[in-house]
Amino acid sequence: MAAVTIRNLSEEAHRALKVRAAQHNRSTEAEMRAILEAAVRPEGRLRLGTALSKIGQKYDITRADIEALEQTRDTRPAEPMRFE
């Protein structure tokens, strides 16, 4: 697991983190982890698999539909583009 050092944090910010941590019944370090996790991995983020699944359900796409598409798909490797 990675370790992070935060330099030059103001006393006011450190004090506010301690208060916030106490309000959530966790250590200051655990509070900082929670804040960072929420910032970079928000709960409402779009998850591609879930979005694709919902589209399939909306249009009633079945496994048989997917298999039919796979059978008609061109499986040859793509030719690279030429810029001559």
PDB file of N, CA and C in Angstrom:
ATOM      1  N   MET A   1       0.849  -1.165   0.000  1.00  0.00           N
ATOM      2  CA  MET A   1       0.000   0.000   0.000  1.00  0.00           C
ATOM      3  C   MET A   1       0.901   1.237   0.000  1.00  0.00           C
ATOM      4  N   ALA A   2       0.496   2.258  -0.725  1.00  0.00           N
ATOM      5  CA  ALA A   2       1.290   3.475  -0.860  1.00  0.00           C
ATOM      6  C   ALA A   2       1.193   4.334   0.392  1.00  0.00           C
ATOM      7  N   ALA A   3       2.257   5.092   0.629  1.00  0.00           N
ATOM      8  CA  ALA A   3       2.279   6.058   1.726  1.00  0.00           C
ATOM      9  C   ALA A   3       2.424   7.451   1.122  1.00  0.00           C
ATOM     10  N   VAL A   4       1.758   8.428   1.726  1.00  0.00           N
ATOM     11  CA  VAL A   4       1.782   9.797   1.231  1.00  0.00           C
ATOM     12  C   VAL A   4       2.176  10.717   2.380  1.00  0.00           C
ATOM     13  N   THR A   5       3.033  11.668   2.077  1.00  0.00           N
ATOM     14  CA  THR A   5       3.409  12.688   3.051  1.00  0.00           C
ATOM     15  C   THR A   5       2.874  14.020   2.559  1.00  0.00           C
ATOM     16  N   ILE A   6       2.209  14.737   3.440  1.00  0.00           N
ATOM     17  CA  ILE A   6       1.681  16.057   3.080  1.00  0.00           C
ATOM     18  C   ILE A   6       2.510  17.099   3.823  1.00  0.00           C
ATOM     19  N   ARG A   7       3.200  17.909   3.065  1.00  0.00           N
ATOM     20  CA  ARG A   7       4.061  18.938   3.660  1.00  0.00           C
ATOM     21  C   ARG A   7       3.338  20.293   3.649  1.00  0.00           C
ATOM     22  N   ASN A   8       3.757  21.140   4.541  1.00  0.00           N
ATOM     23  CA  ASN A   8       3.286  22.529   4.614  1.00  0.00           C
ATOM     24  C   ASN A   8       1.772  22.652   4.784  1.00  0.00           C
ATOM     25  N   LEU A   9       1.183  21.744   5.526  1.00  0.00           N
ATOM     26  CA  LEU A   9      -0.236  21.837   5.847  1.00  0.00           C
ATOM     27  C   LEU A   9      -0.396  22.869   6.966  1.00  0.00           C
ATOM     28  N   SER A  10      -1.293  23.792   6.784  1.00  0.00           N
ATOM     29  CA  SER A  10      -1.460  24.847   7.794  1.00  0.00           C
ATOM     30  C   SER A  10      -1.984  24.246   9.100  1.00  0.00           C
ATOM     31  N   GLU A  11      -1.671  24.927  10.189  1.00  0.00           N
ATOM     32  CA  GLU A  11      -2.158  24.490  11.498  1.00  0.00           C
ATOM     33  C   GLU A  11      -3.682  24.474  11.537  1.00  0.00           C
ATOM     34  N   GLU A  12      -4.303  25.454  10.872  1.00  0.00           N
ATOM     35  CA  GLU A  12      -5.767  25.524  10.847  1.00  0.00           C
ATOM     36  C   GLU A  12      -6.357  24.304  10.153  1.00  0.00           C
ATOM     37  N   ALA A  13      -5.764  23.911   9.017  1.00  0.00           N
ATOM     38  CA  ALA A  13      -6.264  22.742   8.287  1.00  0.00           C
ATOM     39  C   ALA A  13      -6.058  21.477   9.104  1.00  0.00           C
ATOM     40  N   HIS A  14      -4.895  21.372   9.765  1.00  0.00           N
ATOM     41  CA  HIS A  14      -4.621  20.185  10.584  1.00  0.00           C
ATOM     42  C   HIS A  14      -5.602  20.102  11.751  1.00  0.00           C
ATOM     43  N   ARG A  15      -5.866  21.235  12.381  1.00  0.00           N
ATOM     44  CA  ARG A  15      -6.818  21.274  13.483  1.00  0.00           C
ATOM     45  C   ARG A  15      -8.221  20.886  12.999  1.00  0.00           C
ATOM     46  N   ALA A  16      -8.617  21.409  11.832  1.00  0.00           N
ATOM     47  CA  ALA A  16      -9.936  21.081  11.281  1.00  0.00           C
ATOM     48  C   ALA A  16     -10.037  19.595  10.946  1.00  0.00           C
ATOM     49  N   LEU A  17      -8.950  19.015  10.442  1.00  0.00           N
ATOM     50  CA  LEU A  17      -8.942  17.571  10.172  1.00  0.00           C
ATOM     51  C   LEU A  17      -9.119  16.764  11.454  1.00  0.00           C
ATOM     52  N   LYS A  18      -8.448  17.195  12.520  1.00  0.00           N
ATOM     53  CA  LYS A  18      -8.580  16.491  13.802  1.00  0.00           C
ATOM     54  C   LYS A  18     -10.014  16.552  14.318  1.00  0.00           C
ATOM     55  N   VAL A  19     -10.634  17.726  14.192  1.00  0.00           N
ATOM     56  CA  VAL A  19     -12.028  17.892  14.648  1.00  0.00           C
ATOM     57  C   VAL A  19     -12.950  17.002  13.804  1.00  0.00           C
ATOM     58  N   ARG A  20     -12.767  17.051  12.498  1.00  0.00           N
ATOM     59  CA  ARG A  20     -13.601  16.250  11.602  1.00  0.00           C
ATOM     60  C   ARG A  20     -13.433  14.755  11.885  1.00  0.00           C
ATOM     61  N   ALA A  21     -12.202  14.341  12.137  1.00  0.00           N
ATOM     62  CA  ALA A  21     -11.935  12.932  12.448  1.00  0.00           C
ATOM     63  C   ALA A  21     -12.651  12.527  13.733  1.00  0.00           C
ATOM     64  N   ALA A  22     -12.587  13.391  14.721  1.00  0.00           N
ATOM     65  CA  ALA A  22     -13.262  13.096  15.990  1.00  0.00           C
ATOM     66  C   ALA A  22     -14.767  12.990  15.794  1.00  0.00           C
ATOM     67  N   GLN A  23     -15.327  13.834  14.940  1.00  0.00           N
ATOM     68  CA  GLN A  23     -16.763  13.780  14.671  1.00  0.00           C
ATOM     69  C   GLN A  23     -17.165  12.468  14.012  1.00  0.00           C
ATOM     70  N   HIS A  24     -16.250  11.888  13.244  1.00  0.00           N
ATOM     71  CA  HIS A  24     -16.533  10.619  12.561  1.00  0.00           C
ATOM     72  C   HIS A  24     -15.979   9.413  13.325  1.00  0.00           C
ATOM     73  N   ASN A  25     -15.508   9.654  14.536  1.00  0.00           N
ATOM     74  CA  ASN A  25     -14.966   8.587  15.400  1.00  0.00           C
ATOM     75  C   ASN A  25     -13.847   7.793  14.723  1.00  0.00           C
ATOM     76  N   ARG A  26     -12.911   8.505  14.125  1.00  0.00           N
ATOM     77  CA  ARG A  26     -11.756   7.841  13.545  1.00  0.00           C
ATOM     78  C   ARG A  26     -10.512   8.694  13.725  1.00  0.00           C
ATOM     79  N   SER A  27      -9.368   8.106  13.438  1.00  0.00           N
ATOM     80  CA  SER A  27      -8.108   8.831  13.580  1.00  0.00           C
ATOM     81  C   SER A  27      -7.987   9.880  12.479  1.00  0.00           C
ATOM     82  N   THR A  28      -7.075  10.819  12.685  1.00  0.00           N
ATOM     83  CA  THR A  28      -6.840  11.849  11.676  1.00  0.00           C
ATOM     84  C   THR A  28      -6.367  11.202  10.378  1.00  0.00           C
ATOM     85  N   GLU A  29      -5.511  10.215  10.491  1.00  0.00           N
ATOM     86  CA  GLU A  29      -5.017   9.514   9.300  1.00  0.00           C
ATOM     87  C   GLU A  29      -6.159   8.815   8.561  1.00  0.00           C
ATOM     88  N   ALA A  30      -7.046   8.157   9.285  1.00  0.00           N
ATOM     89  CA  ALA A  30      -8.186   7.488   8.659  1.00  0.00           C
ATOM     90  C   ALA A  30      -9.115   8.509   8.004  1.00  0.00           C
ATOM     91  N   GLU A  31      -9.251   9.664   8.622  1.00  0.00           N
ATOM     92  CA  GLU A  31     -10.091  10.719   8.043  1.00  0.00           C
ATOM     93  C   GLU A  31      -9.493  11.218   6.733  1.00  0.00           C
ATOM     94  N   MET A  32      -8.188  11.402   6.704  1.00  0.00           N
ATOM     95  CA  MET A  32      -7.529  11.840   5.469  1.00  0.00           C
ATOM     96  C   MET A  32      -7.703  10.803   4.362  1.00  0.00           C
ATOM     97  N   ARG A  33      -7.597   9.526   4.711  1.00  0.00           N
ATOM     98  CA  ARG A  33      -7.821   8.461   3.715  1.00  0.00           C
ATOM     99  C   ARG A  33      -9.236   8.527   3.166  1.00  0.00           C
ATOM    100  N   ALA A  34     -10.200   8.719   4.058  1.00  0.00           N
ATOM    101  CA  ALA A  34     -11.606   8.785   3.632  1.00  0.00           C
ATOM    102  C   ALA A  34     -11.842   9.979   2.708  1.00  0.00           C
ATOM    103  N   ILE A  35     -11.248  11.118   3.043  1.00  0.00           N
ATOM    104  CA  ILE A  35     -11.405  12.317   2.218  1.00  0.00           C
ATOM    105  C   ILE A  35     -10.803  12.084   0.832  1.00  0.00           C
ATOM    106  N   LEU A  36      -9.608  11.514   0.783  1.00  0.00           N
ATOM    107  CA  LEU A  36      -8.952  11.260  -0.508  1.00  0.00           C
ATOM    108  C   LEU A  36      -9.728  10.242  -1.337  1.00  0.00           C
ATOM    109  N   GLU A  37     -10.195   9.179  -0.704  1.00  0.00           N
ATOM    110  CA  GLU A  37     -10.986   8.168  -1.424  1.00  0.00           C
ATOM    111  C   GLU A  37     -12.248   8.786  -2.014  1.00  0.00           C
ATOM    112  N   ALA A  38     -12.935   9.595  -1.236  1.00  0.00           N
ATOM    113  CA  ALA A  38     -14.170  10.228  -1.717  1.00  0.00           C
ATOM    114  C   ALA A  38     -13.887  11.189  -2.861  1.00  0.00           C
ATOM    115  N   ALA A  39     -12.722  11.830  -2.829  1.00  0.00           N
ATOM    116  CA  ALA A  39     -12.389  12.795  -3.877  1.00  0.00           C
ATOM    117  C   ALA A  39     -12.056  12.113  -5.200  1.00  0.00           C
ATOM    118  N   VAL A  40     -11.362  11.002  -5.145  1.00  0.00           N
ATOM    119  CA  VAL A  40     -10.921  10.358  -6.392  1.00  0.00           C
ATOM    120  C   VAL A  40     -11.812   9.211  -6.835  1.00  0.00           C
ATOM    121  N   ARG A  41     -12.653   8.710  -5.943  1.00  0.00           N
ATOM    122  CA  ARG A  41     -13.560   7.617  -6.287  1.00  0.00           C
ATOM    123  C   ARG A  41     -14.950   7.905  -5.742  1.00  0.00           C
ATOM    124  N   PRO A  42     -15.619   8.917  -6.286  1.00  0.00           N
ATOM    125  CA  PRO A  42     -16.943   9.287  -5.767  1.00  0.00           C
ATOM    126  C   PRO A  42     -17.961   8.168  -5.969  1.00  0.00           C
ATOM    127  N   GLU A  43     -18.938   8.101  -5.068  1.00  0.00           N
ATOM    128  CA  GLU A  43     -19.958   7.048  -5.127  1.00  0.00           C
ATOM    129  C   GLU A  43     -20.787   7.099  -6.401  1.00  0.00           C
ATOM    130  N   GLY A  44     -21.071   8.287  -6.893  1.00  0.00           N
ATOM    131  CA  GLY A  44     -21.937   8.427  -8.050  1.00  0.00           C
ATOM    132  C   GLY A  44     -21.218   8.313  -9.386  1.00  0.00           C
ATOM    133  N   ARG A  45     -19.982   7.792  -9.386  1.00  0.00           N
ATOM    134  CA  ARG A  45     -19.231   7.729 -10.640  1.00  0.00           C
ATOM    135  C   ARG A  45     -19.852   6.717 -11.596  1.00  0.00           C
ATOM    136  N   LEU A  46     -19.649   6.957 -12.864  1.00  0.00           N
ATOM    137  CA  LEU A  46     -20.180   6.065 -13.887  1.00  0.00           C
ATOM    138  C   LEU A  46     -19.335   4.807 -13.939  1.00  0.00           C
ATOM    139  N   ARG A  47     -19.969   3.674 -13.830  1.00  0.00           N
ATOM    140  CA  ARG A  47     -19.284   2.394 -13.945  1.00  0.00           C
ATOM    141  C   ARG A  47     -19.695   1.791 -15.281  1.00  0.00           C
ATOM    142  N   LEU A  48     -18.718   1.571 -16.130  1.00  0.00           N
ATOM    143  CA  LEU A  48     -18.979   1.169 -17.497  1.00  0.00           C
ATOM    144  C   LEU A  48     -19.791  -0.125 -17.591  1.00  0.00           C
ATOM    145  N   GLY A  49     -19.429  -1.126 -16.824  1.00  0.00           N
ATOM    146  CA  GLY A  49     -20.159  -2.392 -16.872  1.00  0.00           C
ATOM    147  C   GLY A  49     -21.621  -2.236 -16.489  1.00  0.00           C
ATOM    148  N   THR A  50     -21.869  -1.460 -15.457  1.00  0.00           N
ATOM    149  CA  THR A  50     -23.241  -1.208 -15.016  1.00  0.00           C
ATOM    150  C   THR A  50     -24.019  -0.446 -16.078  1.00  0.00           C
ATOM    151  N   ALA A  51     -23.370   0.560 -16.687  1.00  0.00           N
ATOM    152  CA  ALA A  51     -24.038   1.349 -17.728  1.00  0.00           C
ATOM    153  C   ALA A  51     -24.392   0.477 -18.928  1.00  0.00           C
ATOM    154  N   LEU A  52     -23.477  -0.377 -19.353  1.00  0.00           N
ATOM    155  CA  LEU A  52     -23.741  -1.257 -20.496  1.00  0.00           C
ATOM    156  C   LEU A  52     -24.844  -2.264 -20.172  1.00  0.00           C
ATOM    157  N   SER A  53     -24.843  -2.758 -18.961  1.00  0.00           N
ATOM    158  CA  SER A  53     -25.879  -3.694 -18.544  1.00  0.00           C
ATOM    159  C   SER A  53     -27.261  -3.037 -18.583  1.00  0.00           C
ATOM    160  N   LYS A  54     -27.340  -1.796 -18.122  1.00  0.00           N
ATOM    161  CA  LYS A  54     -28.618  -1.078 -18.141  1.00  0.00           C
ATOM    162  C   LYS A  54     -29.103  -0.837 -19.569  1.00  0.00           C
ATOM    163  N   ILE A  55     -28.175  -0.527 -20.470  1.00  0.00           N
ATOM    164  CA  ILE A  55     -28.553  -0.338 -21.875  1.00  0.00           C
ATOM    165  C   ILE A  55     -29.109  -1.640 -22.438  1.00  0.00           C
ATOM    166  N   GLY A  56     -28.436  -2.751 -22.144  1.00  0.00           N
ATOM    167  CA  GLY A  56     -28.912  -4.051 -22.612  1.00  0.00           C
ATOM    168  C   GLY A  56     -30.295  -4.376 -22.091  1.00  0.00           C
ATOM    169  N   GLN A  57     -30.545  -4.065 -20.821  1.00  0.00           N
ATOM    170  CA  GLN A  57     -31.861  -4.317 -20.239  1.00  0.00           C
ATOM    171  C   GLN A  57     -32.916  -3.410 -20.853  1.00  0.00           C
ATOM    172  N   LYS A  58     -32.556  -2.151 -21.096  1.00  0.00           N
ATOM    173  CA  LYS A  58     -33.505  -1.188 -21.652  1.00  0.00           C
ATOM    174  C   LYS A  58     -33.993  -1.630 -23.024  1.00  0.00           C
ATOM    175  N   TYR A  59     -33.079  -2.152 -23.837  1.00  0.00           N
ATOM    176  CA  TYR A  59     -33.437  -2.556 -25.194  1.00  0.00           C
ATOM    177  C   TYR A  59     -33.671  -4.060 -25.316  1.00  0.00           C
ATOM    178  N   ASP A  60     -33.758  -4.748 -24.179  1.00  0.00           N
ATOM    179  CA  ASP A  60     -34.072  -6.172 -24.128  1.00  0.00           C
ATOM    180  C   ASP A  60     -33.118  -7.004 -24.984  1.00  0.00           C
ATOM    181  N   ILE A  61     -31.826  -6.735 -24.854  1.00  0.00           N
ATOM    182  CA  ILE A  61     -30.812  -7.494 -25.591  1.00  0.00           C
ATOM    183  C   ILE A  61     -30.536  -8.781 -24.828  1.00  0.00           C
ATOM    184  N   THR A  62     -30.615  -9.892 -25.537  1.00  0.00           N
ATOM    185  CA  THR A  62     -30.411 -11.187 -24.908  1.00  0.00           C
ATOM    186  C   THR A  62     -29.043 -11.742 -25.271  1.00  0.00           C
ATOM    187  N   ARG A  63     -28.664 -12.814 -24.617  1.00  0.00           N
ATOM    188  CA  ARG A  63     -27.396 -13.495 -24.917  1.00  0.00           C
ATOM    189  C   ARG A  63     -27.419 -13.997 -26.363  1.00  0.00           C
ATOM    190  N   ALA A  64     -28.570 -14.449 -26.837  1.00  0.00           N
ATOM    191  CA  ALA A  64     -28.695 -14.919 -28.224  1.00  0.00           C
ATOM    192  C   ALA A  64     -28.405 -13.785 -29.211  1.00  0.00           C
ATOM    193  N   ASP A  65     -28.835 -12.558 -28.869  1.00  0.00           N
ATOM    194  CA  ASP A  65     -28.543 -11.403 -29.724  1.00  0.00           C
ATOM    195  C   ASP A  65     -27.036 -11.164 -29.809  1.00  0.00           C
ATOM    196  N   ILE A  66     -26.384 -11.252 -28.686  1.00  0.00           N
ATOM    197  CA  ILE A  66     -24.938 -11.032 -28.651  1.00  0.00           C
ATOM    198  C   ILE A  66     -24.213 -12.116 -29.442  1.00  0.00           C
ATOM    199  N   GLU A  67     -24.636 -13.361 -29.282  1.00  0.00           N
ATOM    200  CA  GLU A  67     -24.016 -14.464 -30.030  1.00  0.00           C
ATOM    201  C   GLU A  67     -24.215 -14.292 -31.525  1.00  0.00           C
ATOM    202  N   ALA A  68     -25.385 -13.813 -31.948  1.00  0.00           N
ATOM    203  CA  ALA A  68     -25.634 -13.580 -33.373  1.00  0.00           C
ATOM    204  C   ALA A  68     -24.712 -12.490 -33.905  1.00  0.00           C
ATOM    205  N   LEU A  69     -24.494 -11.454 -33.139  1.00  0.00           N
ATOM    206  CA  LEU A  69     -23.576 -10.394 -33.545  1.00  0.00           C
ATOM    207  C   LEU A  69     -22.142 -10.919 -33.664  1.00  0.00           C
ATOM    208  N   GLU A  70     -21.749 -11.756 -32.721  1.00  0.00           N
ATOM    209  CA  GLU A  70     -20.391 -12.305 -32.740  1.00  0.00           C
ATOM    210  C   GLU A  70     -20.171 -13.196 -33.964  1.00  0.00           C
ATOM    211  N   GLN A  71     -21.205 -13.899 -34.404  1.00  0.00           N
ATOM    212  CA  GLN A  71     -21.072 -14.785 -35.562  1.00  0.00           C
ATOM    213  C   GLN A  71     -20.932 -14.010 -36.866  1.00  0.00           C
ATOM    214  N   THR A  72     -21.520 -12.826 -36.948  1.00  0.00           N
ATOM    215  CA  THR A  72     -21.467 -12.048 -38.179  1.00  0.00           C
ATOM    216  C   THR A  72     -20.333 -11.023 -38.176  1.00  0.00           C
ATOM    217  N   ARG A  73     -19.648 -10.902 -37.086  1.00  0.00           N
ATOM    218  CA  ARG A  73     -18.581  -9.901 -36.953  1.00  0.00           C
ATOM    219  C   ARG A  73     -17.380 -10.285 -37.806  1.00  0.00           C
ATOM    220  N   ASP A  74     -16.772  -9.293 -38.405  1.00  0.00           N
ATOM    221  CA  ASP A  74     -15.559  -9.497 -39.189  1.00  0.00           C
ATOM    222  C   ASP A  74     -14.397  -9.678 -38.214  1.00  0.00           C
ATOM    223  N   THR A  75     -13.768 -10.843 -38.231  1.00  0.00           N
ATOM    224  CA  THR A  75     -12.715 -11.140 -37.270  1.00  0.00           C
ATOM    225  C   THR A  75     -11.313 -10.933 -37.835  1.00  0.00           C
ATOM    226  N   ARG A  76     -11.251 -10.458 -39.079  1.00  0.00           N
ATOM    227  CA  ARG A  76      -9.926 -10.208 -39.657  1.00  0.00           C
ATOM    228  C   ARG A  76      -9.257  -9.050 -38.929  1.00  0.00           C
ATOM    229  N   PRO A  77      -7.938  -9.100 -38.794  1.00  0.00           N
ATOM    230  CA  PRO A  77      -7.246  -7.981 -38.150  1.00  0.00           C
ATOM    231  C   PRO A  77      -7.424  -6.699 -38.971  1.00  0.00           C
ATOM    232  N   ALA A  78      -7.509  -5.602 -38.313  1.00  0.00           N
ATOM    233  CA  ALA A  78      -7.667  -4.316 -38.999  1.00  0.00           C
ATOM    234  C   ALA A  78      -6.381  -3.965 -39.731  1.00  0.00           C
ATOM    235  N   GLU A  79      -6.540  -3.339 -40.870  1.00  0.00           N
ATOM    236  CA  GLU A  79      -5.392  -2.874 -41.642  1.00  0.00           C
ATOM    237  C   GLU A  79      -4.988  -1.505 -41.099  1.00  0.00           C
ATOM    238  N   PRO A  80      -3.689  -1.304 -40.869  1.00  0.00           N
ATOM    239  CA  PRO A  80      -3.274  -0.005 -40.380  1.00  0.00           C
ATOM    240  C   PRO A  80      -3.502   1.090 -41.427  1.00  0.00           C
ATOM    241  N   MET A  81      -3.776   2.297 -40.984  1.00  0.00           N
ATOM    242  CA  MET A  81      -3.985   3.402 -41.899  1.00  0.00           C
ATOM    243  C   MET A  81      -2.637   3.803 -42.516  1.00  0.00           C
ATOM    244  N   ARG A  82      -2.720   4.271 -43.751  1.00  0.00           N
ATOM    245  CA  ARG A  82      -1.518   4.741 -44.430  1.00  0.00           C
ATOM    246  C   ARG A  82      -1.670   6.220 -44.709  1.00  0.00           C
ATOM    247  N   PHE A  83      -0.643   6.954 -44.415  1.00  0.00           N
ATOM    248  CA  PHE A  83      -0.661   8.400 -44.622  1.00  0.00           C
ATOM    249  C   PHE A  83       0.357   8.794 -45.700  1.00  0.00           C
ATOM    250  N   GLU A  84       0.166   8.279 -46.861  1.00  0.00           N
ATOM    251  CA  GLU A  84       1.112   8.559 -47.956  1.00  0.00           C
ATOM    252  C   GLU A  84       0.503   9.483 -48.975  1.00  0.00           C
TER     253      GLU A  84
END
